[in-house]
C-alpha atoms as a PDB file:
ATOM      1  CA  UNK A   1     130.612  96.579  28.357  1.00  0.00           C
ATOM      2  CA  UNK A   2     132.415  99.627  29.343  1.00  0.00           C
ATOM      3  CA  UNK A   3     132.607  99.976  32.987  1.00  0.00           C
ATOM      4  CA  UNK A   4     133.847 103.211  34.611  1.00  0.00           C
ATOM      5  CA  UNK A   5     134.796 103.679  38.333  1.00  0.00           C
ATOM      6  CA  UNK A   6     134.564 107.040  40.487  1.00  0.00           C
ATOM      7  CA  UNK A   7     134.586 107.831  44.067  1.00  0.00           C
ATOM      8  CA  UNK A   8     131.787 108.273  46.069  1.00  0.00           C
ATOM      9  CA  UNK A   9     130.833 111.568  47.558  1.00  0.00           C
ATOM     10  CA  UNK A  10     128.769 112.976  50.383  1.00  0.00           C
ATOM     11  CA  UNK A  11     126.362 114.321  47.692  1.00  0.00           C
ATOM     12  CA  UNK A  12     125.499 110.759  46.662  1.00  0.00           C
ATOM     13  CA  UNK A  13     122.902 110.250  49.397  1.00  0.00           C
ATOM     14  CA  UNK A  14     120.127 109.588  47.067  1.00  0.00           C
ATOM     15  CA  UNK A  15     122.101 106.767  45.222  1.00  0.00           C
ATOM     16  CA  UNK A  16     122.966 105.199  48.319  1.00  0.00           C
ATOM     17  CA  UNK A  17     119.289 105.198  49.508  1.00  0.00           C
ATOM     18  CA  UNK A  18     118.598 103.706  46.121  1.00  0.00           C
ATOM     19  CA  UNK A  19     120.777 100.967  46.119  1.00  0.00           C
ATOM     20  CA  UNK A  20     119.528 100.335  49.848  1.00  0.00           C
ATOM     21  CA  UNK A  21     116.040  99.892  48.520  1.00  0.00           C
ATOM     22  CA  UNK A  22     117.185  97.486  45.747  1.00  0.00           C
ATOM     23  CA  UNK A  23     119.244  95.402  48.233  1.00  0.00           C
ATOM     24  CA  UNK A  24     117.201  92.081  48.432  1.00  0.00           C
ATOM     25  CA  UNK A  25     118.848  90.583  51.446  1.00  0.00           C
ATOM     26  CA  UNK A  26     118.427  93.781  53.320  1.00  0.00           C
ATOM     27  CA  UNK A  27     122.004  93.827  54.612  1.00  0.00           C
ATOM     28  CA  UNK A  28     121.994  97.435  54.093  1.00  0.00           C
ATOM     29  CA  UNK A  29     120.491  98.959  57.319  1.00  0.00           C
ATOM     30  CA  UNK A  30     119.363 102.377  57.186  1.00  0.00           C
ATOM     31  CA  UNK A  31     121.685 103.462  59.756  1.00  0.00           C
ATOM     32  CA  UNK A  32     124.593 102.583  57.579  1.00  0.00           C
ATOM     33  CA  UNK A  33     123.334 104.526  54.620  1.00  0.00           C
ATOM     34  CA  UNK A  34     125.343 107.876  56.064  1.00  0.00           C
ATOM     35  CA  UNK A  35     128.569 108.662  54.386  1.00  0.00           C
ATOM     36  CA  UNK A  36     130.983 110.970  55.979  1.00  0.00           C
ATOM     37  CA  UNK A  37     134.178 111.570  54.285  1.00  0.00           C
ATOM     38  CA  UNK A  38     135.350 113.779  56.904  1.00  0.00           C
ATOM     39  CA  UNK A  39     135.745 110.725  59.381  1.00  0.00           C
ATOM     40  CA  UNK A  40     137.287 108.539  56.752  1.00  0.00           C
ATOM     41  CA  UNK A  41     134.394 106.971  55.059  1.00  0.00           C
ATOM     42  CA  UNK A  42     135.109 105.893  51.342  1.00  0.00           C
ATOM     43  CA  UNK A  43     133.216 104.443  48.458  1.00  0.00           C
ATOM     44  CA  UNK A  44     133.311 103.590  44.889  1.00  0.00           C
ATOM     45  CA  UNK A  45     130.555 104.075  42.235  1.00  0.00           C
ATOM     46  CA  UNK A  46     130.486 101.737  38.933  1.00  0.00           C
ATOM     47  CA  UNK A  47     128.702 102.904  36.012  1.00  0.00           C
ATOM     48  CA  UNK A  48     128.067 101.199  32.724  1.00  0.00           C
ATOM     49  CA  UNK A  49     127.551 103.464  29.812  1.00  0.00           C
ATOM     50  CA  UNK A  50     126.639 106.258  32.267  1.00  0.00           C
ATOM     51  CA  UNK A  51     124.172 104.199  34.339  1.00  0.00           C
ATOM     52  CA  UNK A  52     124.953 103.233  37.908  1.00  0.00           C
ATOM     53  CA  UNK A  53     125.763  99.576  38.254  1.00  0.00           C
ATOM     54  CA  UNK A  54     127.125  98.828  41.410  1.00  0.00           C
ATOM     55  CA  UNK A  55     128.417 100.706  44.551  1.00  0.00           C
ATOM     56  CA  UNK A  56     130.669  99.823  47.408  1.00  0.00           C
ATOM     57  CA  UNK A  57     131.450 102.067  50.418  1.00  0.00           C
ATOM     58  CA  UNK A  58     133.007 101.797  53.780  1.00  0.00           C
ATOM     59  CA  UNK A  59     131.676 103.710  56.901  1.00  0.00           C
ATOM     60  CA  UNK A  60     133.419 104.251  60.304  1.00  0.00           C
ATOM     61  CA  UNK A  61     130.217 103.984  62.014  1.00  0.00           C
ATOM     62  CA  UNK A  62     132.024 102.143  65.027  1.00  0.00           C
ATOM     63  CA  UNK A  63     135.648 101.993  65.991  1.00  0.00           C
ATOM     64  CA  UNK A  64     138.597 101.586  63.705  1.00  0.00           C
ATOM     65  CA  UNK A  65     137.017  99.078  61.381  1.00  0.00           C
ATOM     66  CA  UNK A  66     134.989 100.441  58.446  1.00  0.00           C
ATOM     67  CA  UNK A  67     131.665  98.574  57.833  1.00  0.00           C
ATOM     68  CA  UNK A  68     131.424  97.894  54.056  1.00  0.00           C
ATOM     69  CA  UNK A  69     128.027  98.430  52.232  1.00  0.00           C
ATOM     70  CA  UNK A  70     128.163  96.586  48.755  1.00  0.00           C
ATOM     71  CA  UNK A  71     125.413  96.192  46.124  1.00  0.00           C
ATOM     72  CA  UNK A  72     125.015  95.520  42.468  1.00  0.00           C
ATOM     73  CA  UNK A  73     122.065  96.759  40.610  1.00  0.00           C
ATOM     74  CA  UNK A  74     120.380  93.342  39.482  1.00  0.00           C
ATOM     75  CA  UNK A  75     120.441  93.892  35.473  1.00  0.00           C
ATOM     76  CA  UNK A  76     123.944  94.058  36.072  1.00  0.00           C
ATOM     77  CA  UNK A  77     124.778  91.077  38.213  1.00  0.00           C
ATOM     78  CA  UNK A  78     126.923  88.265  36.903  1.00  0.00           C
ATOM     79  CA  UNK A  79     129.459  90.336  35.009  1.00  0.00           C
ATOM     80  CA  UNK A  80     131.992  90.583  37.746  1.00  0.00           C
ATOM     81  CA  UNK A  81     131.461  93.983  38.432  1.00  0.00           C
ATOM     82  CA  UNK A  82     130.628  93.549  42.228  1.00  0.00           C
ATOM     83  CA  UNK A  83     133.861  91.601  42.697  1.00  0.00           C
ATOM     84  CA  UNK A  84     135.853  94.427  40.675  1.00  0.00           C
ATOM     85  CA  UNK A  85     134.423  97.201  42.716  1.00  0.00           C
ATOM     86  CA  UNK A  86     134.864  95.683  46.092  1.00  0.00           C
ATOM     87  CA  UNK A  87     138.741  94.981  45.057  1.00  0.00           C
ATOM     88  CA  UNK A  88     139.001  98.866  44.391  1.00  0.00           C
ATOM     89  CA  UNK A  89     137.719  99.341  47.967  1.00  0.00           C
ATOM     90  CA  UNK A  90     139.902  97.047  49.551  1.00  0.00           C
ATOM     91  CA  UNK A  91     142.972  98.105  47.738  1.00  0.00           C
ATOM     92  CA  UNK A  92     142.124 101.761  48.855  1.00  0.00           C
ATOM     93  CA  UNK A  93     141.941 100.270  52.622  1.00  0.00           C
ATOM     94  CA  UNK A  94     145.212  98.708  52.254  1.00  0.00           C
ATOM     95  CA  UNK A  95     146.974 101.926  51.025  1.00  0.00           C
ATOM     96  CA  UNK A  96     145.540 104.124  53.643  1.00  0.00           C
ATOM     97  CA  UNK A  97     146.152 101.442  56.347  1.00  0.00           C
ATOM     98  CA  UNK A  98     142.780 100.223  57.667  1.00  0.00           C
ATOM     99  CA  UNK A  99     143.301  97.173  59.777  1.00  0.00           C
ATOM    100  CA  UNK A 100     140.325  95.499  58.264  1.00  0.00           C
ATOM    101  CA  UNK A 101     136.908  95.936  56.837  1.00  0.00           C
ATOM    102  CA  UNK A 102     133.982  94.322  57.923  1.00  0.00           C
ATOM    103  CA  UNK A 103     130.372  93.263  56.238  1.00  0.00           C
ATOM    104  CA  UNK A 104     127.343  92.509  58.164  1.00  0.00           C
ATOM    105  CA  UNK A 105     124.722  90.182  57.137  1.00  0.00           C
ATOM    106  CA  UNK A 106     122.505  87.269  58.055  1.00  0.00           C
ATOM    107  CA  UNK A 107     124.317  83.863  58.641  1.00  0.00           C
ATOM    108  CA  UNK A 108     121.846  82.275  55.972  1.00  0.00           C
ATOM    109  CA  UNK A 109     122.748  84.897  53.440  1.00  0.00           C
ATOM    110  CA  UNK A 110     124.001  83.200  50.112  1.00  0.00           C
ATOM    111  CA  UNK A 111     126.057  86.342  49.550  1.00  0.00           C
ATOM    112  CA  UNK A 112     128.516  85.002  52.382  1.00  0.00           C
ATOM    113  CA  UNK A 113     129.831  82.310  50.101  1.00  0.00           C
ATOM    114  CA  UNK A 114     130.908  84.989  47.688  1.00  0.00           C
ATOM    115  CA  UNK A 115     132.497  87.234  50.497  1.00  0.00           C
ATOM    116  CA  UNK A 116     134.361  84.217  51.818  1.00  0.00           C
ATOM    117  CA  UNK A 117     135.907  83.375  48.406  1.00  0.00           C
ATOM    118  CA  UNK A 118     137.306  87.061  48.545  1.00  0.00           C
ATOM    119  CA  UNK A 119     139.070  86.440  52.072  1.00  0.00           C
ATOM    120  CA  UNK A 120     136.416  87.454  54.431  1.00  0.00           C
ATOM    121  CA  UNK A 121     136.196  85.353  57.465  1.00  0.00           C
ATOM    122  CA  UNK A 122     133.201  84.814  59.781  1.00  0.00           C
ATOM    123  CA  UNK A 123     133.103  86.291  63.458  1.00  0.00           C
ATOM    124  CA  UNK A 124     130.560  86.226  66.140  1.00  0.00           C
ATOM    125  CA  UNK A 125     127.397  87.809  65.511  1.00  0.00           C
ATOM    126  CA  UNK A 126     127.034  87.222  62.018  1.00  0.00           C
ATOM    127  CA  UNK A 127     129.675  89.813  60.705  1.00  0.00           C
ATOM    128  CA  UNK A 128     132.479  88.760  58.132  1.00  0.00           C
ATOM    129  CA  UNK A 129     135.943  90.412  58.543  1.00  0.00           C
ATOM    130  CA  UNK A 130     138.826  90.904  55.765  1.00  0.00           C
ATOM    131  CA  UNK A 131     142.097  91.924  57.270  1.00  0.00           C
ATOM    132  CA  UNK A 132     144.127  94.319  55.491  1.00  0.00           C
ATOM    133  CA  UNK A 133     147.947  94.087  55.506  1.00  0.00           C
ATOM    134  CA  UNK A 134     149.653  96.958  53.978  1.00  0.00           C
ATOM    135  CA  UNK A 135     152.646  95.956  51.806  1.00  0.00           C
ATOM    136  CA  UNK A 136     155.892  96.222  53.603  1.00  0.00           C
ATOM    137  CA  UNK A 137     158.216  98.433  51.654  1.00  0.00           C
ATOM    138  CA  UNK A 138     159.920 100.128  54.339  1.00  0.00           C
ATOM    139  CA  UNK A 139     161.003  98.965  57.889  1.00  0.00           C
ATOM    140  CA  UNK A 140     162.247 101.245  60.642  1.00  0.00           C
ATOM    141  CA  UNK A 141     164.915  99.578  62.488  1.00  0.00           C
ATOM    142  CA  UNK A 142     166.070 100.457  66.064  1.00  0.00           C
ATOM    143  CA  UNK A 143     169.300  99.416  67.329  1.00  0.00           C
ATOM    144  CA  UNK A 144     172.136 100.433  69.361  1.00  0.00           C
ATOM    145  CA  UNK A 145     174.845 102.823  68.523  1.00  0.00           C
ATOM    146  CA  UNK A 146     177.104 100.809  70.484  1.00  0.00           C
ATOM    147  CA  UNK A 147     178.510  97.656  68.866  1.00  0.00           C
ATOM    148  CA  UNK A 148     177.657  95.467  72.008  1.00  0.00           C
ATOM    149  CA  UNK A 149     180.006  93.163  73.907  1.00  0.00           C
ATOM    150  CA  UNK A 150     179.842  90.269  71.488  1.00  0.00           C
ATOM    151  CA  UNK A 151     180.801  90.126  67.999  1.00  0.00           C
ATOM    152  CA  UNK A 152     178.193  88.558  66.509  1.00  0.00           C
ATOM    153  CA  UNK A 153     175.843  91.680  67.186  1.00  0.00           C
ATOM    154  CA  UNK A 154     177.409  93.379  64.493  1.00  0.00           C
ATOM    155  CA  UNK A 155     177.357  90.583  62.131  1.00  0.00           C
ATOM    156  CA  UNK A 156     173.668  90.075  62.629  1.00  0.00           C
ATOM    157  CA  UNK A 157     172.828  93.945  62.021  1.00  0.00           C
ATOM    158  CA  UNK A 158     174.941  93.817  58.848  1.00  0.00           C
ATOM    159  CA  UNK A 159     173.254  90.786  57.711  1.00  0.00           C
ATOM    160  CA  UNK A 160     170.117  92.189  58.317  1.00  0.00           C
ATOM    161  CA  UNK A 161     170.526  95.078  56.528  1.00  0.00           C
ATOM    162  CA  UNK A 162     171.763  93.240  53.499  1.00  0.00           C
ATOM    163  CA  UNK A 163     168.639  91.078  53.363  1.00  0.00           C
ATOM    164  CA  UNK A 164     166.229  93.863  53.698  1.00  0.00           C
ATOM    165  CA  UNK A 165     168.118  95.420  50.800  1.00  0.00           C
ATOM    166  CA  UNK A 166     167.854  92.166  48.784  1.00  0.00           C
ATOM    167  CA  UNK A 167     164.177  92.144  49.259  1.00  0.00           C
ATOM    168  CA  UNK A 168     163.902  95.653  48.135  1.00  0.00           C
ATOM    169  CA  UNK A 169     162.801  97.076  51.474  1.00  0.00           C
ATOM    170  CA  UNK A 170     164.113 100.645  52.509  1.00  0.00           C
ATOM    171  CA  UNK A 171     165.664 100.924  55.804  1.00  0.00           C
ATOM    172  CA  UNK A 172     164.476 103.715  57.969  1.00  0.00           C
ATOM    173  CA  UNK A 173     166.925 104.403  61.019  1.00  0.00           C
ATOM    174  CA  UNK A 174     168.471 107.034  63.029  1.00  0.00           C
ATOM    175  CA  UNK A 175     171.284 107.942  60.647  1.00  0.00           C
ATOM    176  CA  UNK A 176     174.452 107.357  62.789  1.00  0.00           C
ATOM    177  CA  UNK A 177     177.482 105.275  61.594  1.00  0.00           C
ATOM    178  CA  UNK A 178     178.354 103.873  65.122  1.00  0.00           C
ATOM    179  CA  UNK A 179     177.661 100.476  66.388  1.00  0.00           C
ATOM    180  CA  UNK A 180     174.888  98.413  65.264  1.00  0.00           C
ATOM    181  CA  UNK A 181     173.230 101.463  63.288  1.00  0.00           C
ATOM    182  CA  UNK A 182     176.389 101.958  61.160  1.00  0.00           C
ATOM    183  CA  UNK A 183     176.721  98.033  60.596  1.00  0.00           C
ATOM    184  CA  UNK A 184     173.345  97.731  59.648  1.00  0.00           C
ATOM    185  CA  UNK A 185     173.204 100.555  57.294  1.00  0.00           C
ATOM    186  CA  UNK A 186     176.426  99.234  55.761  1.00  0.00           C
ATOM    187  CA  UNK A 187     175.076  95.967  54.850  1.00  0.00           C
ATOM    188  CA  UNK A 188     171.929  97.380  53.226  1.00  0.00           C
ATOM    189  CA  UNK A 189     174.006 100.039  51.237  1.00  0.00           C
ATOM    190  CA  UNK A 190     176.596  97.371  49.770  1.00  0.00           C
ATOM    191  CA  UNK A 191     173.540  95.351  48.569  1.00  0.00           C
ATOM    192  CA  UNK A 192     172.261  98.312  46.883  1.00  0.00           C
ATOM    193  CA  UNK A 193     169.310  98.989  48.968  1.00  0.00           C
ATOM    194  CA  UNK A 194     167.674 102.302  50.039  1.00  0.00           C
ATOM    195  CA  UNK A 195     168.768 103.889  53.498  1.00  0.00           C
ATOM    196  CA  UNK A 196     166.764 106.703  54.909  1.00  0.00           C
ATOM    197  CA  UNK A 197     168.359 108.239  58.031  1.00  0.00           C
ATOM    198  CA  UNK A 198     166.718 110.613  60.627  1.00  0.00           C
ATOM    199  CA  UNK A 199     168.665 112.094  62.796  1.00  0.00           C
ATOM    200  CA  UNK A 200     167.906 114.706  65.628  1.00  0.00           C
ATOM    201  CA  UNK A 201     170.050 117.793  65.544  1.00  0.00           C
ATOM    202  CA  UNK A 202     171.125 117.478  69.044  1.00  0.00           C
ATOM    203  CA  UNK A 203     172.614 113.989  68.270  1.00  0.00           C
ATOM    204  CA  UNK A 204     174.182 114.687  64.844  1.00  0.00           C
ATOM    205  CA  UNK A 205     177.668 115.104  66.290  1.00  0.00           C
ATOM    206  CA  UNK A 206     177.592 112.294  69.045  1.00  0.00           C
ATOM    207  CA  UNK A 207     176.128 109.561  66.861  1.00  0.00           C
ATOM    208  CA  UNK A 208     178.257 110.763  63.939  1.00  0.00           C
ATOM    209  CA  UNK A 209     176.125 110.773  60.896  1.00  0.00           C
ATOM    210  CA  UNK A 210     176.607 108.245  58.275  1.00  0.00           C
ATOM    211  CA  UNK A 211     178.001 109.802  55.039  1.00  0.00           C
ATOM    212  CA  UNK A 212     176.444 108.281  51.547  1.00  0.00           C
ATOM    213  CA  UNK A 213     172.998 107.455  52.913  1.00  0.00           C
ATOM    214  CA  UNK A 214     170.215 107.324  50.311  1.00  0.00           C
ATOM    215  CA  UNK A 215     168.747 110.294  52.273  1.00  0.00           C
ATOM    216  CA  UNK A 216     169.593 112.011  55.577  1.00  0.00           C
ATOM    217  CA  UNK A 217     167.060 113.996  57.427  1.00  0.00           C
ATOM    218  CA  UNK A 218     167.974 116.214  60.151  1.00  0.00           C
ATOM    219  CA  UNK A 219     164.987 117.163  62.698  1.00  0.00           C
ATOM    220  CA  UNK A 220     164.988 119.355  65.710  1.00  0.00           C
ATOM    221  CA  UNK A 221     164.577 116.910  68.385  1.00  0.00           C
ATOM    222  CA  UNK A 222     164.536 113.189  69.241  1.00  0.00           C
ATOM    223  CA  UNK A 223     160.525 113.166  69.682  1.00  0.00           C
ATOM    224  CA  UNK A 224     160.484 114.728  66.013  1.00  0.00           C
ATOM    225  CA  UNK A 225     162.933 111.988  64.968  1.00  0.00           C
ATOM    226  CA  UNK A 226     160.544 109.316  66.171  1.00  0.00           C
ATOM    227  CA  UNK A 227     157.316 110.839  64.997  1.00  0.00           C
ATOM    228  CA  UNK A 228     159.310 111.108  61.346  1.00  0.00           C
ATOM    229  CA  UNK A 229     160.410 107.541  61.412  1.00  0.00           C
ATOM    230  CA  UNK A 230     156.716 106.209  62.249  1.00  0.00           C
ATOM    231  CA  UNK A 231     155.666 108.236  59.203  1.00  0.00           C
ATOM    232  CA  UNK A 232     158.194 106.954  56.833  1.00  0.00           C
ATOM    233  CA  UNK A 233     158.012 103.148  57.889  1.00  0.00           C
ATOM    234  CA  UNK A 234     155.628 100.428  57.224  1.00  0.00           C
ATOM    235  CA  UNK A 235     156.665  98.540  60.405  1.00  0.00           C
ATOM    236  CA  UNK A 236     159.188  98.478  63.295  1.00  0.00           C
ATOM    237  CA  UNK A 237     161.765  96.306  64.174  1.00  0.00           C
ATOM    238  CA  UNK A 238     164.257  96.396  67.139  1.00  0.00           C
ATOM    239  CA  UNK A 239     167.582  94.839  67.202  1.00  0.00           C
ATOM    240  CA  UNK A 240     169.541  94.697  70.491  1.00  0.00           C
ATOM    241  CA  UNK A 241     170.208  98.045  71.812  1.00  0.00           C
ATOM    242  CA  UNK A 242     170.359 100.073  75.045  1.00  0.00           C
ATOM    243  CA  UNK A 243     167.633 102.434  76.708  1.00  0.00           C
ATOM    244  CA  UNK A 244     167.426 104.428  73.498  1.00  0.00           C
ATOM    245  CA  UNK A 245     166.354 101.591  71.544  1.00  0.00           C
ATOM    246  CA  UNK A 246     163.699 100.481  74.225  1.00  0.00           C
ATOM    247  CA  UNK A 247     162.484 104.254  74.386  1.00  0.00           C
ATOM    248  CA  UNK A 248     161.877 103.973  70.335  1.00  0.00           C
ATOM    249  CA  UNK A 249     160.322 100.451  70.771  1.00  0.00           C
ATOM    250  CA  UNK A 250     158.055 101.329  73.559  1.00  0.00           C
ATOM    251  CA  UNK A 251     156.726 104.468  71.480  1.00  0.00           C
ATOM    252  CA  UNK A 252     155.838 102.261  68.629  1.00  0.00           C
ATOM    253  CA  UNK A 253     154.188  99.730  70.984  1.00  0.00           C
ATOM    254  CA  UNK A 254     152.443 102.588  72.560  1.00  0.00           C
ATOM    255  CA  UNK A 255     151.375 104.276  69.437  1.00  0.00           C
ATOM    256  CA  UNK A 256     150.024 100.915  68.094  1.00  0.00           C
ATOM    257  CA  UNK A 257     147.647 100.715  71.207  1.00  0.00           C
ATOM    258  CA  UNK A 258     146.282 104.218  70.985  1.00  0.00           C
ATOM    259  CA  UNK A 259     145.727 103.894  67.427  1.00  0.00           C
ATOM    260  CA  UNK A 260     148.311 106.459  65.977  1.00  0.00           C
ATOM    261  CA  UNK A 261     149.373 103.467  63.682  1.00  0.00           C
ATOM    262  CA  UNK A 262     148.476 100.138  62.902  1.00  0.00           C
ATOM    263  CA  UNK A 263     151.791  98.790  61.699  1.00  0.00           C
ATOM    264  CA  UNK A 264     153.632  95.496  62.806  1.00  0.00           C
ATOM    265  CA  UNK A 265     156.180  95.683  65.787  1.00  0.00           C
ATOM    266  CA  UNK A 266     159.081  93.447  65.785  1.00  0.00           C
ATOM    267  CA  UNK A 267     161.757  92.021  68.179  1.00  0.00           C
ATOM    268  CA  UNK A 268     164.716  90.560  66.465  1.00  0.00           C
ATOM    269  CA  UNK A 269     165.615  88.199  68.738  1.00  0.00           C
ATOM    270  CA  UNK A 270     169.455  87.530  68.402  1.00  0.00           C
ATOM    271  CA  UNK A 271     170.519  84.720  70.791  1.00  0.00           C
ATOM    272  CA  UNK A 272     167.462  85.262  72.873  1.00  0.00           C
ATOM    273  CA  UNK A 273     168.350  88.965  73.526  1.00  0.00           C
ATOM    274  CA  UNK A 274     164.848  90.138  73.969  1.00  0.00           C
ATOM    275  CA  UNK A 275     163.580  87.235  76.058  1.00  0.00           C
ATOM    276  CA  UNK A 276     163.584  88.879  79.437  1.00  0.00           C
ATOM    277  CA  UNK A 277     161.543  91.646  77.720  1.00  0.00           C
ATOM    278  CA  UNK A 278     159.004  89.279  76.248  1.00  0.00           C
ATOM    279  CA  UNK A 279     158.500  87.849  79.552  1.00  0.00           C
ATOM    280  CA  UNK A 280     158.114  91.202  81.307  1.00  0.00           C
ATOM    281  CA  UNK A 281     155.330  92.019  78.526  1.00  0.00           C
ATOM    282  CA  UNK A 282     153.682  88.783  79.380  1.00  0.00           C
ATOM    283  CA  UNK A 283     153.669  89.666  83.000  1.00  0.00           C
ATOM    284  CA  UNK A 284     151.928  92.945  82.291  1.00  0.00           C
ATOM    285  CA  UNK A 285     149.386  90.887  80.705  1.00  0.00           C
ATOM    286  CA  UNK A 286     148.804  88.355  83.314  1.00  0.00           C
ATOM    287  CA  UNK A 287     148.742  91.199  85.858  1.00  0.00           C
ATOM    288  CA  UNK A 288     146.042  92.744  83.858  1.00  0.00           C
ATOM    289  CA  UNK A 289     147.760  96.037  82.279  1.00  0.00           C
ATOM    290  CA  UNK A 290     148.227  95.079  78.705  1.00  0.00           C
ATOM    291  CA  UNK A 291     145.413  93.473  76.659  1.00  0.00           C
ATOM    292  CA  UNK A 292     146.465  90.021  75.371  1.00  0.00           C
ATOM    293  CA  UNK A 293     145.922  91.102  71.759  1.00  0.00           C
ATOM    294  CA  UNK A 294     148.877  93.312  71.717  1.00  0.00           C
ATOM    295  CA  UNK A 295     151.156  90.744  73.288  1.00  0.00           C
ATOM    296  CA  UNK A 296     149.922  88.210  70.383  1.00  0.00           C
ATOM    297  CA  UNK A 297     150.504  91.023  67.903  1.00  0.00           C
ATOM    298  CA  UNK A 298     154.231  91.651  68.672  1.00  0.00           C
ATOM    299  CA  UNK A 299     156.362  89.382  66.224  1.00  0.00           C
ATOM    300  CA  UNK A 300     159.285  87.859  67.849  1.00  0.00           C
ATOM    301  CA  UNK A 301     161.663  86.183  65.081  1.00  0.00           C
ATOM    302  CA  UNK A 302     165.362  85.404  64.784  1.00  0.00           C
ATOM    303  CA  UNK A 303     165.663  85.589  60.822  1.00  0.00           C
ATOM    304  CA  UNK A 304     164.181  87.754  57.997  1.00  0.00           C
ATOM    305  CA  UNK A 305     162.702  84.561  56.370  1.00  0.00           C
ATOM    306  CA  UNK A 306     160.870  83.829  59.505  1.00  0.00           C
ATOM    307  CA  UNK A 307     159.865  87.664  59.629  1.00  0.00           C
ATOM    308  CA  UNK A 308     158.428  87.513  56.211  1.00  0.00           C
ATOM    309  CA  UNK A 309     156.581  84.423  57.105  1.00  0.00           C
ATOM    310  CA  UNK A 310     155.080  86.028  60.093  1.00  0.00           C
ATOM    311  CA  UNK A 311     154.038  89.308  58.224  1.00  0.00           C
ATOM    312  CA  UNK A 312     152.252  87.196  56.008  1.00  0.00           C
ATOM    313  CA  UNK A 313     149.663  86.415  58.476  1.00  0.00           C
ATOM    314  CA  UNK A 314     150.090  89.386  60.857  1.00  0.00           C
ATOM    315  CA  UNK A 315     146.895  91.162  61.934  1.00  0.00           C
ATOM    316  CA  UNK A 316     146.618  94.599  63.383  1.00  0.00           C
ATOM    317  CA  UNK A 317     145.432  94.209  67.009  1.00  0.00           C
ATOM    318  CA  UNK A 318     143.216  97.431  66.759  1.00  0.00           C
ATOM    319  CA  UNK A 319     143.073 100.300  69.154  1.00  0.00           C
ATOM    320  CA  UNK A 320     143.061  99.763  73.143  1.00  0.00           C
ATOM    321  CA  UNK A 321     139.458 101.186  73.319  1.00  0.00           C
ATOM    322  CA  UNK A 322     137.984  99.519  70.250  1.00  0.00           C
END
């Protein structure tokens, strides 16, 4: 049996309607047959010897989590086509950064067992959710351009760079050679890691650009630097630093809330350095200014091993207004 997979297009409306008619469990509601690529919808069609065998598509009909509609034509069931096409949709979602995908079906639907085996979890209302975590291949590191008053700050920054390099994670940072920035970059480079610096032109002289980086980009302004680092990185980590580090950190936290990105934000809590900030953030929650899901999504660790462990189960909190 030869299976070909191709992307679904908006012109495939007749196909989606046909599959909905074939859906014995009636899990494909008519209002979800719509497919609008311009809003981010994506689908996959499986064909066996030119004949449509299965389809799986995700539609952003509500919020930031797309709802998946998935069906296999009866005569092609039992060959693993449904699982294969669903996996292709999941991999696409991970690639483009979907926080999760959802399926909606009755609680007594036998298909729930199949979805559960693929990592979907039951939630209120009969829906099932699969959280998608994009692979962490690069990490933006925010830290001080000063060395700090205690020597262990430099040691920790250097060791962090070394350990990220050892794990094949590209370091994205502000491009400077001074303070913890330079120590962290040195550690990564000495261990053969990739270090991508992004420096604002106005800071190039004051922060002393690091010579020998894998790549150094000079941009026109600090806001451009922050935006570029956000685009390049799969997550954001703050080492100890001052108000500049705090500014970058809060940009990452804010953009996570408004949906500019759905990536993890990490406090590398050296000797409890970030404890006062964590207390403040929890206070914003208790006083009704920050939703608890964002406090829960903040990763606070003091080792790379613990960070990797936390990332395995991290889930995007979703947009503020979702």
